[in-house]
Amino acid sequence: MKDFKILVSLTGDSAQDCLSKIKELQKYQVSEVALFLERLTPVDREQVYLALSKIKIKIPLVHLRHDMTGVEVKMLSNIYKVKYFTIHEDHFKIIKNWRGFYKKLYLEMTTDDYVAKNVKVEKIGGFCVDLAHYKHQAVLNNKDFKYVYNRRTKAALFACNHISGYSYKDNIDMHQVSAKSNFDYLSELPIFVFGKMLAIEVDNSIKEQLIYKEYILKLLTKLV
């Protein structure tokens, strides 16, 4: 059995979404969090950084956005000692902006059945397998699935994960979950896709994420 660490996350469409979660982090005395910046504009991010600077928090995983500069990534790395910066396939088009951090970048595959020639996971730190995406890909047996599956024996590539909910009915990932059962799919996944650091990627409150975190941990401790 792997030794898992599960993180709740700061997510949202706006700075305000994240600021409300930062207040919850303090309320529930959460010491570590993953930071998802994918939907935040530069102005929104500045507000979030300012609020985070006023609390004591560790941020081991950050999901990057296309307009983030190397200076911004370096700032986060220096302040929070970020171990994992997660990226999308299309970020390989702009990866030179993050030169010096390649081995801290981890690839999240899409579900569009297309892998561009410039996508080379071996060039960076490895995979951040989005577990709901992987479940979706496996059902379709698409090119994204095969790109990950064909590297299943290279354990060092599988470093971290995103955890969203999953709908069996629609075969889609869910970023707003309503029941613990939305995570039951995790028990069906092969052990090789799991890294040691797993970030819950839902828009639910920190209070709800903490409940789901305990449930997820119970599921994962049963994996062999």
Protein backbone atom coordinates (compact mmCIF):
# COMPACT_ATOMS: atom_id res chain seq x y z
CA MET A 1 0.00 0.00 0.00
CA LYS A 2 1.25 3.47 -0.86
CA ASP A 3 1.66 6.19 1.73
CA PHE A 4 -0.87 8.81 0.60
CA LYS A 5 -1.16 12.46 1.56
CA ILE A 6 -4.48 14.06 0.63
CA LEU A 7 -4.89 17.83 0.42
CA VAL A 8 -7.99 19.98 0.42
CA SER A 9 -7.81 22.75 -2.16
CA LEU A 10 -8.34 26.43 -2.84
CA THR A 11 -10.42 26.51 -6.01
CA GLY A 12 -12.83 28.92 -7.63
CA ASP A 13 -13.83 31.14 -10.54
CA SER A 14 -12.83 34.33 -8.75
CA ALA A 15 -10.68 35.72 -5.99
CA GLN A 16 -13.78 35.95 -3.82
CA ASP A 17 -14.33 32.20 -4.08
CA CYS A 18 -10.80 31.59 -2.86
CA LEU A 19 -10.90 34.26 -0.16
CA SER A 20 -13.92 32.61 1.45
CA LYS A 21 -12.03 29.30 1.50
CA ILE A 22 -8.97 30.97 3.02
CA LYS A 23 -11.18 32.04 5.95
CA GLU A 24 -12.29 28.43 6.27
CA LEU A 25 -8.68 27.24 6.32
CA GLN A 26 -8.16 29.36 9.40
CA LYS A 27 -11.45 28.33 10.98
CA TYR A 28 -10.70 24.62 10.62
CA GLN A 29 -6.97 25.02 11.33
CA VAL A 30 -5.86 23.48 8.05
CA SER A 31 -2.08 23.61 7.74
CA GLU A 32 -1.63 22.45 4.11
CA VAL A 33 -3.61 23.16 0.97
CA ALA A 34 -3.36 22.75 -2.80
CA LEU A 35 -3.81 25.91 -4.86
CA PHE A 36 -5.69 25.82 -8.17
CA LEU A 37 -5.06 28.99 -10.20
CA GLU A 38 -6.41 27.81 -13.55
CA ARG A 39 -9.49 30.08 -13.53
CA LEU A 40 -8.01 33.12 -11.81
CA THR A 41 -6.93 36.25 -13.70
CA PRO A 42 -3.69 38.01 -12.74
CA VAL A 43 -5.72 40.54 -10.71
CA ASP A 44 -7.56 37.75 -8.91
CA ARG A 45 -4.30 35.95 -8.19
CA GLU A 46 -2.76 39.05 -6.60
CA GLN A 47 -5.70 39.23 -4.17
CA VAL A 48 -5.32 35.57 -3.32
CA TYR A 49 -1.55 35.86 -2.80
CA LEU A 50 -2.07 38.83 -0.48
CA ALA A 51 -4.62 36.94 1.62
CA LEU A 52 -2.41 33.86 1.80
CA SER A 53 0.55 35.95 2.93
CA LYS A 54 -1.39 36.85 6.07
CA ILE A 55 -1.87 33.27 7.28
CA LYS A 56 0.44 30.40 8.11
CA ILE A 57 -0.04 27.76 5.42
CA LYS A 58 1.93 25.21 3.42
CA ILE A 59 1.23 24.85 -0.30
CA PRO A 60 2.97 21.76 -1.72
CA LEU A 61 0.95 21.65 -4.98
CA VAL A 62 -0.08 24.45 -7.35
CA HIS A 63 -2.04 24.09 -10.58
CA LEU A 64 -0.71 26.63 -13.08
CA ARG A 65 -2.48 28.88 -15.57
CA HIS A 66 -1.23 29.75 -19.06
CA ASP A 67 -0.54 33.44 -18.31
CA MET A 68 1.66 32.83 -15.29
CA THR A 69 5.22 34.05 -15.75
CA GLY A 70 8.42 32.44 -14.62
CA VAL A 71 8.74 35.21 -12.04
CA GLU A 72 5.36 34.30 -10.56
CA VAL A 73 6.20 30.60 -10.45
CA LYS A 74 9.54 31.38 -8.82
CA MET A 75 7.81 33.53 -6.21
CA LEU A 76 5.45 30.70 -5.26
CA SER A 77 8.31 28.21 -5.22
CA ASN A 78 10.44 30.38 -2.96
CA ILE A 79 7.70 31.30 -0.48
CA TYR A 80 5.88 27.98 -0.22
CA LYS A 81 8.55 25.48 -1.29
CA VAL A 82 6.07 24.07 -3.83
CA LYS A 83 7.00 20.52 -4.81
CA TYR A 84 4.47 19.99 -7.60
CA PHE A 85 3.37 22.47 -10.28
CA THR A 86 0.67 20.80 -12.36
CA ILE A 87 0.04 21.68 -16.01
CA HIS A 88 -2.13 20.77 -19.00
CA GLU A 89 -1.07 19.27 -22.33
CA ASP A 90 -1.38 22.60 -24.15
CA HIS A 91 1.06 24.17 -21.70
CA PHE A 92 3.87 22.47 -23.60
CA LYS A 93 3.41 25.29 -26.13
CA ILE A 94 4.56 27.81 -23.50
CA ILE A 95 6.73 25.60 -21.32
CA LYS A 96 9.81 27.77 -22.04
CA ASN A 97 8.18 30.43 -19.85
CA TRP A 98 8.82 28.12 -16.91
CA ARG A 99 12.41 27.19 -17.74
CA GLY A 100 14.26 26.17 -14.61
CA PHE A 101 11.18 24.43 -13.21
CA TYR A 102 10.74 21.61 -15.74
CA LYS A 103 11.36 18.85 -13.20
CA LYS A 104 8.74 20.36 -10.89
CA LEU A 105 6.08 20.31 -13.64
CA TYR A 106 3.58 17.44 -13.69
CA LEU A 107 1.23 16.68 -16.57
CA GLU A 108 -2.54 16.40 -16.30
CA MET A 109 -3.97 14.73 -19.41
CA THR A 110 -7.19 15.90 -21.03
CA THR A 111 -10.00 13.64 -22.26
CA ASP A 112 -10.16 14.86 -25.87
CA ASP A 113 -8.65 11.74 -27.51
CA TYR A 114 -5.70 13.76 -28.84
CA VAL A 115 -2.09 14.00 -27.69
CA ALA A 116 0.03 16.57 -29.53
CA LYS A 117 3.54 15.60 -30.66
CA ASN A 118 5.10 18.22 -28.38
CA VAL A 119 3.64 16.55 -25.26
CA LYS A 120 6.58 14.75 -23.68
CA VAL A 121 6.04 13.76 -20.06
CA GLU A 122 9.62 12.48 -19.82
CA LYS A 123 10.83 16.07 -20.35
CA ILE A 124 9.24 17.17 -17.07
CA GLY A 125 8.75 15.74 -13.58
CA GLY A 126 6.09 13.25 -14.58
CA PHE A 127 2.32 12.82 -14.41
CA CYS A 128 -0.29 14.43 -12.25
CA VAL A 129 -2.96 11.90 -13.12
CA ASP A 130 -6.40 13.42 -12.74
CA LEU A 131 -8.13 10.32 -11.41
CA ALA A 132 -11.61 11.18 -12.66
CA HIS A 133 -10.13 11.98 -16.08
CA TYR A 134 -8.35 8.63 -16.05
CA LYS A 135 -11.59 6.80 -15.27
CA HIS A 136 -13.30 8.69 -18.11
CA GLN A 137 -10.40 7.91 -20.48
CA ALA A 138 -10.35 4.23 -19.54
CA VAL A 139 -14.03 3.83 -20.39
CA LEU A 140 -13.38 5.35 -23.82
CA ASN A 141 -10.01 3.61 -24.25
CA ASN A 142 -8.82 6.78 -25.96
CA LYS A 143 -5.40 8.18 -26.84
CA ASP A 144 -5.10 10.08 -23.56
CA PHE A 145 -5.67 6.84 -21.66
CA LYS A 146 -3.13 4.95 -23.74
CA TYR A 147 -0.49 7.68 -23.27
CA VAL A 148 -0.69 7.15 -19.51
CA TYR A 149 -1.27 3.39 -19.52
CA ASN A 150 1.66 2.67 -21.84
CA ARG A 151 3.98 4.19 -19.21
CA ARG A 152 2.52 2.19 -16.31
CA THR A 153 5.82 0.43 -15.56
CA LYS A 154 7.67 3.74 -15.09
CA ALA A 155 6.73 4.25 -11.45
CA ALA A 156 8.84 7.39 -11.05
CA LEU A 157 6.58 9.26 -13.49
CA PHE A 158 3.50 8.87 -11.27
CA ALA A 159 4.07 11.51 -8.63
CA CYS A 160 0.81 13.28 -7.78
CA ASN A 161 -2.91 13.42 -8.54
CA HIS A 162 -6.01 15.52 -8.78
CA ILE A 163 -9.18 14.00 -7.34
CA SER A 164 -12.55 15.14 -8.66
CA GLY A 165 -15.91 13.44 -8.36
CA TYR A 166 -17.11 11.11 -11.09
CA SER A 167 -20.50 10.32 -12.65
CA TYR A 168 -20.93 6.73 -13.79
CA LYS A 169 -24.12 7.68 -15.62
CA ASP A 170 -22.54 10.40 -17.75
CA ASN A 171 -18.90 9.27 -17.66
CA ILE A 172 -17.70 12.74 -16.68
CA ASP A 173 -15.65 14.29 -13.92
CA MET A 174 -17.47 16.44 -11.37
CA HIS A 175 -16.09 19.58 -9.76
CA GLN A 176 -19.12 20.10 -7.55
CA VAL A 177 -19.95 16.95 -5.66
CA SER A 178 -22.97 16.18 -3.52
CA ALA A 179 -22.24 12.76 -2.06
CA LYS A 180 -19.35 10.65 -0.83
CA SER A 181 -20.31 8.06 -3.43
CA ASN A 182 -19.06 10.44 -6.14
CA PHE A 183 -15.58 9.23 -5.13
CA ASP A 184 -16.29 5.49 -5.09
CA TYR A 185 -14.68 5.11 -8.54
CA LEU A 186 -11.28 5.54 -6.86
CA SER A 187 -11.42 2.00 -5.50
CA GLU A 188 -11.59 0.68 -9.09
CA LEU A 189 -8.41 2.33 -10.35
CA PRO A 190 -5.07 0.52 -10.76
CA ILE A 191 -2.50 1.29 -8.10
CA PHE A 192 0.12 2.52 -10.59
CA VAL A 193 -1.79 5.77 -11.34
CA PHE A 194 -1.53 6.98 -7.75
CA GLY A 195 1.23 9.27 -6.56
CA LYS A 196 2.00 10.21 -2.99
CA MET A 197 0.39 13.67 -3.09
CA LEU A 198 -3.31 13.89 -3.98
CA ALA A 199 -5.25 17.16 -4.23
CA ILE A 200 -9.04 17.23 -4.06
CA GLU A 201 -10.16 19.29 -7.05
CA VAL A 202 -13.74 20.31 -6.31
CA ASP A 203 -15.42 23.66 -5.76
CA ASN A 204 -17.08 22.55 -2.54
CA SER A 205 -16.34 24.38 0.69
CA ILE A 206 -13.32 23.47 2.81
CA LYS A 207 -15.73 22.10 5.42
CA GLU A 208 -17.20 19.69 2.88
CA GLN A 209 -13.79 18.84 1.44
CA LEU A 210 -12.57 17.79 4.88
CA ILE A 211 -15.46 15.34 5.13
CA TYR A 212 -14.72 13.97 1.67
CA LYS A 213 -11.01 13.78 2.51
CA GLU A 214 -11.67 11.31 5.32
CA TYR A 215 -13.86 9.19 3.05
CA ILE A 216 -11.28 9.20 0.26
CA LEU A 217 -8.54 8.18 2.66
CA LYS A 218 -10.59 5.18 3.77
CA LEU A 219 -11.07 4.15 0.14
CA LEU A 220 -7.39 4.46 -0.67
CA THR A 221 -6.18 2.53 2.36
CA LYS A 222 -7.99 -0.50 0.92
CA LEU A 223 -5.99 -0.41 -2.30
CA VAL A 224 -3.38 -3.12 -2.80
